[in-house]
């Protein structure tokens, strides 16, 4: 089946399509996805997404996010964050994934927010 899957995947790529293959082997299974050359995965560890409450986002070139009370964010440099339900700086809501730089256990930067 691998030879046939490779052939189908190549045909999908040539036609601009995407390819998803799933196999099951009793209690186990496997999944292969090819969404094209431009597809980028930003999930470094496969862990489920987490959410947290923030206290503030500075309006400057570094855009510093401060977490609520004593809530550690648990993020690492290069992780990506998305924002929803932000009040005040509503431009962040639904603005897509942003890479972060950790500043401390309760804060991180998201890049330029001076235009918000």
Foldseek 3Di string as FASTA:
>chain_A
DVVVLVVVQVVQQVVQHWDKDKADDVVDIDIDTGNYPPDDDQDPDPDDDDDFAWDDWDQFFFTKTFGPDPDFPPDAQQHWDADDPDPPLCCRHPPDIFTWHDPDRGMITGGHRNVD
